[in-house]
Protein backbone atom coordinates (compact mmCIF):
# COMPACT_ATOMS: atom_id res chain seq x y z
CA ASN A 1 94.07 85.97 108.61
CA GLN A 2 92.69 88.39 110.90
CA VAL A 3 93.57 92.08 110.59
CA LEU A 4 93.93 93.90 113.75
CA VAL A 5 93.28 97.60 114.09
CA ALA A 6 93.66 100.04 117.23
CA LYS A 7 90.44 101.29 118.37
CA PRO A 8 90.17 104.01 121.06
CA ASN A 9 88.39 102.84 124.18
CA GLU A 10 87.07 105.53 126.59
CA VAL A 11 87.95 103.06 129.66
CA THR A 12 91.05 101.23 128.75
CA GLY A 13 92.69 103.47 126.21
CA LEU A 14 93.39 101.60 122.92
CA GLN A 15 92.19 97.98 122.30
CA TRP A 16 92.84 95.73 119.34
CA VAL A 17 89.94 94.69 117.39
CA THR A 18 89.44 92.57 114.26
CA GLN A 19 88.09 93.91 110.95
CA THR A 20 84.88 91.99 111.91
CA GLY A 21 84.41 93.98 115.06
CA GLY A 22 85.36 91.17 117.61
CA SER A 23 87.77 92.06 120.44
CA SER A 24 91.12 90.70 120.39
CA SER A 25 94.00 90.65 123.11
CA GLY A 26 96.86 91.33 120.64
CA ASN A 27 100.34 91.59 122.10
CA ILE A 28 101.33 94.34 119.49
CA PRO A 29 102.50 97.71 121.12
CA VAL A 30 100.63 100.67 120.12
CA TYR A 31 102.87 103.88 120.07
CA GLY A 32 101.99 106.87 118.18
CA PHE A 33 99.23 109.58 117.96
CA ASN A 34 96.20 111.11 115.99
CA VAL A 35 95.34 114.67 116.76
CA ASN A 36 93.33 117.33 115.16
CA LYS A 37 93.95 121.14 115.48
CA TYR A 38 92.04 123.10 117.73
CA ALA A 39 92.62 126.69 116.80
CA ASP A 40 93.58 128.40 113.44
CA PHE A 41 97.43 129.46 113.14
CA ASN A 42 99.10 131.91 111.25
CA SER A 43 102.82 132.13 111.42
CA GLY A 44 102.94 135.60 109.97
CA SER A 45 105.19 134.32 107.11
CA ASN A 46 107.75 133.24 109.84
CA SER A 47 108.92 129.75 110.06
CA SER A 48 107.24 128.00 112.95
CA THR A 49 106.09 124.50 114.19
CA ILE A 50 102.37 124.29 114.15
CA PRO A 51 100.83 124.38 117.70
CA PHE A 52 97.51 123.85 119.07
CA TRP A 53 96.57 120.03 118.67
CA THR A 54 93.96 117.97 120.73
CA PRO A 55 92.90 114.39 120.59
CA ASN A 56 89.40 115.16 121.37
CA LYS A 57 87.64 113.79 118.39
CA SER A 58 86.53 110.00 117.71
CA TRP A 59 89.54 107.92 116.62
CA ASN A 60 91.98 110.43 118.14
CA PHE A 61 94.57 109.16 120.42
CA VAL A 62 98.06 109.74 121.94
CA GLN A 63 100.41 106.74 123.19
CA PRO A 64 101.99 107.11 125.63
CA TYR A 65 99.98 110.40 126.52
CA ASN A 66 102.81 112.20 128.10
CA ASN A 67 104.94 112.14 124.97
CA PHE A 68 102.97 114.68 123.08
CA ASN A 69 103.07 118.51 123.82
CA TYR A 70 99.53 119.70 122.63
CA TYR A 71 100.56 123.45 122.76
CA TYR A 72 103.77 123.04 120.82
CA GLY A 73 102.79 120.02 118.60
CA ILE A 74 105.96 118.19 119.55
CA TYR A 75 105.87 114.25 119.85
CA THR A 76 108.84 112.43 121.68
CA ILE A 77 109.36 109.04 120.17
CA PRO A 78 108.74 106.37 122.93
CA VAL A 79 110.63 103.33 121.15
CA SER A 80 112.90 103.18 118.24
CA GLY A 81 111.46 101.75 115.04
CA TYR A 82 109.82 102.70 111.72
CA TYR A 83 106.93 105.19 111.86
CA SER A 84 104.31 106.04 109.47
CA ILE A 85 103.82 109.91 109.67
CA LYS A 86 100.86 111.71 107.98
CA ALA A 87 99.85 115.30 107.84
CA ASN A 88 96.79 116.52 106.29
CA LEU A 89 96.54 120.41 106.55
CA TYR A 90 94.18 122.94 105.25
CA ILE A 91 95.91 126.08 104.56
CA GLU A 92 94.08 129.40 103.63
CA ALA A 93 96.10 131.91 101.81
CA ALA A 94 96.26 135.37 103.22
CA ASP A 95 98.67 136.45 100.31
CA THR A 96 99.98 135.08 97.09
CA GLY A 97 103.13 133.25 97.71
CA VAL A 98 104.90 129.87 98.52
CA GLU A 99 104.00 128.04 101.56
CA HIS A 100 106.56 125.25 102.85
CA VAL A 101 105.20 122.39 104.93
CA ASN A 102 107.69 119.83 106.50
CA ILE A 103 107.94 117.14 109.02
CA LYS A 104 110.68 118.04 111.44
CA ILE A 105 112.89 115.42 112.92
CA ASN A 106 115.00 116.82 115.89
CA ASN A 107 114.28 120.25 114.38
CA GLU A 108 115.93 119.07 110.95
CA ASP A 109 113.76 119.31 107.84
CA GLY A 110 112.23 116.03 106.76
CA PRO A 111 109.68 115.06 103.91
CA GLY A 112 107.34 118.06 103.02
CA SER A 113 105.45 119.93 100.33
CA ILE A 114 105.51 123.08 98.66
CA LEU A 115 102.25 124.98 97.97
CA ASN A 116 102.03 127.85 95.44
CA LEU A 117 99.22 129.83 97.21
CA ASN A 118 96.72 132.37 95.73
CA SER A 119 95.41 134.94 98.03
CA GLY A 120 92.03 134.15 99.63
CA GLU A 121 91.92 130.43 98.32
CA LEU A 122 92.03 127.16 100.50
CA HIS A 123 94.89 124.75 99.68
CA VAL A 124 95.55 121.13 100.92
CA SER A 125 99.01 119.87 102.01
CA ASN A 126 99.23 116.19 102.19
CA ILE A 127 102.35 114.65 103.59
CA SER A 128 102.97 111.03 104.12
CA SER A 129 106.29 109.32 104.90
CA THR A 130 107.80 106.37 106.63
CA VAL A 131 110.99 107.17 108.61
CA LYS A 132 113.26 105.37 110.99
CA LEU A 133 113.17 107.10 114.27
CA ASN A 134 114.92 106.49 117.54
CA GLN A 135 113.79 106.66 121.14
CA ASN A 136 113.62 110.34 122.33
CA ASP A 137 113.85 111.80 118.78
CA GLU A 138 111.27 114.67 118.38
CA ILE A 139 108.95 115.21 115.45
CA SER A 140 106.73 118.04 114.53
CA ILE A 141 105.06 119.74 111.53
CA TYR A 142 106.61 123.02 110.38
CA VAL A 143 105.25 125.67 108.11
CA ASP A 144 106.89 128.77 106.60
CA GLY A 145 104.74 131.10 104.13
CA PRO A 146 101.77 133.41 104.38
CA GLY A 147 99.04 130.97 104.82
CA THR A 148 96.79 130.24 107.97
CA VAL A 149 96.63 126.37 108.97
CA LYS A 150 92.78 126.06 109.49
CA GLU A 151 91.33 124.03 112.40
CA VAL A 152 88.34 123.00 110.35
CA THR A 153 87.43 123.99 106.76
CA ASP A 154 84.00 125.32 106.07
CA ASN A 155 82.66 121.82 105.05
CA GLY A 156 83.91 120.28 108.25
CA HIS A 157 87.40 118.73 107.30
CA PRO A 158 89.85 119.09 110.35
CA SER A 159 93.60 119.68 109.95
CA ASN A 160 95.22 116.44 111.15
CA ILE A 161 98.38 114.79 111.88
CA SER A 162 99.21 111.31 112.82
CA CYS A 163 102.27 109.19 113.61
CA MET A 164 102.22 105.26 114.32
CA LEU A 165 104.87 102.85 114.97
CA ILE A 166 104.70 100.12 112.28
CA ASN A 167 107.75 98.14 113.15
CA HIS A 168 110.47 97.93 115.65
């Protein structure tokens, strides 16, 4: 058995490759995204979708490209199916309090985490879920609390979100 993985290619977009590195012409559709933050964001303790994302690092991609709104951080689902959604966010506490982080599906709360923040400390929110989504559903990552979602930590770890079709 060979395992295929999606690998970004500057010329052709995504290509399928085997774990041993050989090219393959798999007919498995690639839908989803993997993007990093490009600016810190503080919601000012207001509820807000996290904006400012970019696919400008290695292994980042968006397929189809036009389905992701980089400014608002909203992805429109291109085909119905089961999607794996992950968010790894680094949140710096401006105040002591509670930070809610959720996946939003059509502006409704989905899976999430609750962080108890201590002023001045860096906290990590890791959300991972597999959900059934329909074509034209919209997903985003949402925060509510006194923290700042960091673009990159002092040791180089970026805040990142990804979503990948795993079965349709």
